[in-house]
Amino acid sequence: MIQQVEAVYEHGLLRPLEPLALTESQRVKLTISDPGSGRSQRDLKLVERARAEIAARQAIPTIEEVRLLLASIPGSLSQDVIAERGDY
């Protein structure tokens, strides 16, 4: 289970700003991020989702498999960027 909550650091302890669905003495793994660090909540959620997808996979694709899949996408990234910017 993954929970994302905000907390305040006070007197050497992290105090969650909302109730947690945890049992007494349950061990957890914390990832600390400063909201002012430049990472948006959307970025953090995307990274969490990607980590969950990777953890759920039976096998991680090799770089060769990734290249093969990417090569099947029509067009080119540079053409898409030029079209999006309106440069000709």
C-alpha atoms as a PDB file:
ATOM      1  CA  MET A   1       0.000   0.000   0.000  1.00  0.00           C
ATOM      2  CA  ILE A   2       1.263   3.477  -0.866  1.00  0.00           C
ATOM      3  CA  GLN A   3       0.036   6.543   0.988  1.00  0.00           C
ATOM      4  CA  GLN A   4       1.077  10.085   0.316  1.00  0.00           C
ATOM      5  CA  VAL A   5       0.532  12.501   3.181  1.00  0.00           C
ATOM      6  CA  GLU A   6       1.948  15.825   4.225  1.00  0.00           C
ATOM      7  CA  ALA A   7       3.700  16.085   7.558  1.00  0.00           C
ATOM      8  CA  VAL A   8       5.342  18.701   9.741  1.00  0.00           C
ATOM      9  CA  TYR A   9       8.737  18.196  11.356  1.00  0.00           C
ATOM     10  CA  GLU A  10       8.544  19.296  14.995  1.00  0.00           C
ATOM     11  CA  HIS A  11      10.899  18.640  17.897  1.00  0.00           C
ATOM     12  CA  GLY A  12      12.693  15.846  16.037  1.00  0.00           C
ATOM     13  CA  LEU A  13       9.502  14.036  14.963  1.00  0.00           C
ATOM     14  CA  LEU A  14       7.423  13.950  11.803  1.00  0.00           C
ATOM     15  CA  ARG A  15       3.778  14.693  12.574  1.00  0.00           C
ATOM     16  CA  PRO A  16       1.318  13.686   9.812  1.00  0.00           C
ATOM     17  CA  LEU A  17      -1.292  16.323   8.998  1.00  0.00           C
ATOM     18  CA  GLU A  18      -3.975  13.657   8.519  1.00  0.00           C
ATOM     19  CA  PRO A  19      -4.754  10.260  10.071  1.00  0.00           C
ATOM     20  CA  LEU A  20      -2.794   7.270   8.757  1.00  0.00           C
ATOM     21  CA  ALA A  21      -4.198   3.790   8.147  1.00  0.00           C
ATOM     22  CA  LEU A  22      -1.391   2.081  10.096  1.00  0.00           C
ATOM     23  CA  THR A  23      -1.308  -0.348  12.975  1.00  0.00           C
ATOM     24  CA  GLU A  24       0.600   0.394  16.157  1.00  0.00           C
ATOM     25  CA  SER A  25       4.350  -0.316  15.758  1.00  0.00           C
ATOM     26  CA  GLN A  26       3.949  -0.970  12.022  1.00  0.00           C
ATOM     27  CA  ARG A  27       7.193  -0.360  10.141  1.00  0.00           C
ATOM     28  CA  VAL A  28       7.036   1.882   7.076  1.00  0.00           C
ATOM     29  CA  LYS A  29       9.485   3.290   4.546  1.00  0.00           C
ATOM     30  CA  LEU A  30       9.553   7.086   4.239  1.00  0.00           C
ATOM     31  CA  THR A  31      10.511   9.182   1.246  1.00  0.00           C
ATOM     32  CA  ILE A  32      11.031  12.795   2.191  1.00  0.00           C
ATOM     33  CA  SER A  33      10.417  15.505  -0.390  1.00  0.00           C
ATOM     34  CA  ASP A  34      10.272  19.220   0.195  1.00  0.00           C
ATOM     35  CA  PRO A  35       7.248  20.718  -1.600  1.00  0.00           C
ATOM     36  CA  GLY A  36       9.461  23.661  -2.500  1.00  0.00           C
ATOM     37  CA  SER A  37      12.076  21.427  -4.131  1.00  0.00           C
ATOM     38  CA  GLY A  38      10.772  22.100  -7.643  1.00  0.00           C
ATOM     39  CA  ARG A  39       8.980  18.782  -8.033  1.00  0.00           C
ATOM     40  CA  SER A  40       5.273  19.077  -8.528  1.00  0.00           C
ATOM     41  CA  GLN A  41       2.759  16.716  -6.974  1.00  0.00           C
ATOM     42  CA  ARG A  42       1.958  15.557 -10.515  1.00  0.00           C
ATOM     43  CA  ASP A  43       5.632  14.627 -11.042  1.00  0.00           C
ATOM     44  CA  LEU A  44       5.723  12.713  -7.767  1.00  0.00           C
ATOM     45  CA  LYS A  45       2.519  10.852  -8.612  1.00  0.00           C
ATOM     46  CA  LEU A  46       3.883   9.949 -12.047  1.00  0.00           C
ATOM     47  CA  VAL A  47       7.086   8.579 -10.525  1.00  0.00           C
ATOM     48  CA  GLU A  48       5.100   6.594  -7.936  1.00  0.00           C
ATOM     49  CA  ARG A  49       2.856   5.172 -10.663  1.00  0.00           C
ATOM     50  CA  ALA A  50       5.878   4.207 -12.777  1.00  0.00           C
ATOM     51  CA  ARG A  51       7.530   2.495  -9.798  1.00  0.00           C
ATOM     52  CA  ALA A  52       4.308   0.577  -9.070  1.00  0.00           C
ATOM     53  CA  GLU A  53       4.030  -0.529 -12.711  1.00  0.00           C
ATOM     54  CA  ILE A  54       7.638  -1.714 -12.721  1.00  0.00           C
ATOM     55  CA  ALA A  55       7.154  -3.593  -9.446  1.00  0.00           C
ATOM     56  CA  ALA A  56       4.060  -5.315 -10.867  1.00  0.00           C
ATOM     57  CA  ARG A  57       5.826  -6.542 -14.015  1.00  0.00           C
ATOM     58  CA  GLN A  58       6.953 -10.140 -14.248  1.00  0.00           C
ATOM     59  CA  ALA A  59      10.023  -9.168 -16.286  1.00  0.00           C
ATOM     60  CA  ILE A  60      11.678  -5.833 -17.006  1.00  0.00           C
ATOM     61  CA  PRO A  61      12.139  -5.225 -20.767  1.00  0.00           C
ATOM     62  CA  THR A  62      15.680  -5.014 -22.068  1.00  0.00           C
ATOM     63  CA  ILE A  63      16.955  -1.871 -23.767  1.00  0.00           C
ATOM     64  CA  GLU A  64      16.788  -3.718 -27.089  1.00  0.00           C
ATOM     65  CA  GLU A  65      13.087  -4.469 -26.540  1.00  0.00           C
ATOM     66  CA  VAL A  66      12.428  -0.833 -25.675  1.00  0.00           C
ATOM     67  CA  ARG A  67      14.273   0.358 -28.807  1.00  0.00           C
ATOM     68  CA  LEU A  68      12.297  -2.060 -30.960  1.00  0.00           C
ATOM     69  CA  LEU A  69       9.001  -0.792 -29.533  1.00  0.00           C
ATOM     70  CA  LEU A  70      10.029   2.859 -29.919  1.00  0.00           C
ATOM     71  CA  ALA A  71      11.125   2.262 -33.525  1.00  0.00           C
ATOM     72  CA  SER A  72       7.580   1.132 -34.371  1.00  0.00           C
ATOM     73  CA  ILE A  73       6.183   4.617 -33.590  1.00  0.00           C
ATOM     74  CA  PRO A  74       5.620   6.495 -36.877  1.00  0.00           C
ATOM     75  CA  GLY A  75       7.120   9.946 -37.470  1.00  0.00           C
ATOM     76  CA  SER A  76       9.920  11.567 -35.535  1.00  0.00           C
ATOM     77  CA  LEU A  77      10.145  13.525 -32.325  1.00  0.00           C
ATOM     78  CA  SER A  78      11.892  16.444 -34.024  1.00  0.00           C
ATOM     79  CA  GLN A  79       9.072  16.721 -36.582  1.00  0.00           C
ATOM     80  CA  ASP A  80       6.515  16.758 -33.762  1.00  0.00           C
ATOM     81  CA  VAL A  81       8.403  19.497 -31.881  1.00  0.00           C
ATOM     82  CA  ILE A  82       8.738  21.625 -35.022  1.00  0.00           C
ATOM     83  CA  ALA A  83       5.040  21.207 -35.819  1.00  0.00           C
ATOM     84  CA  GLU A  84       4.051  22.055 -32.246  1.00  0.00           C
ATOM     85  CA  ARG A  85       6.168  25.208 -32.173  1.00  0.00           C
ATOM     86  CA  GLY A  86       5.049  26.269 -35.634  1.00  0.00           C
ATOM     87  CA  ASP A  87       8.630  26.420 -36.992  1.00  0.00           C
ATOM     88  CA  TYR A  88       9.041  25.668 -40.677  1.00  0.00           C
END
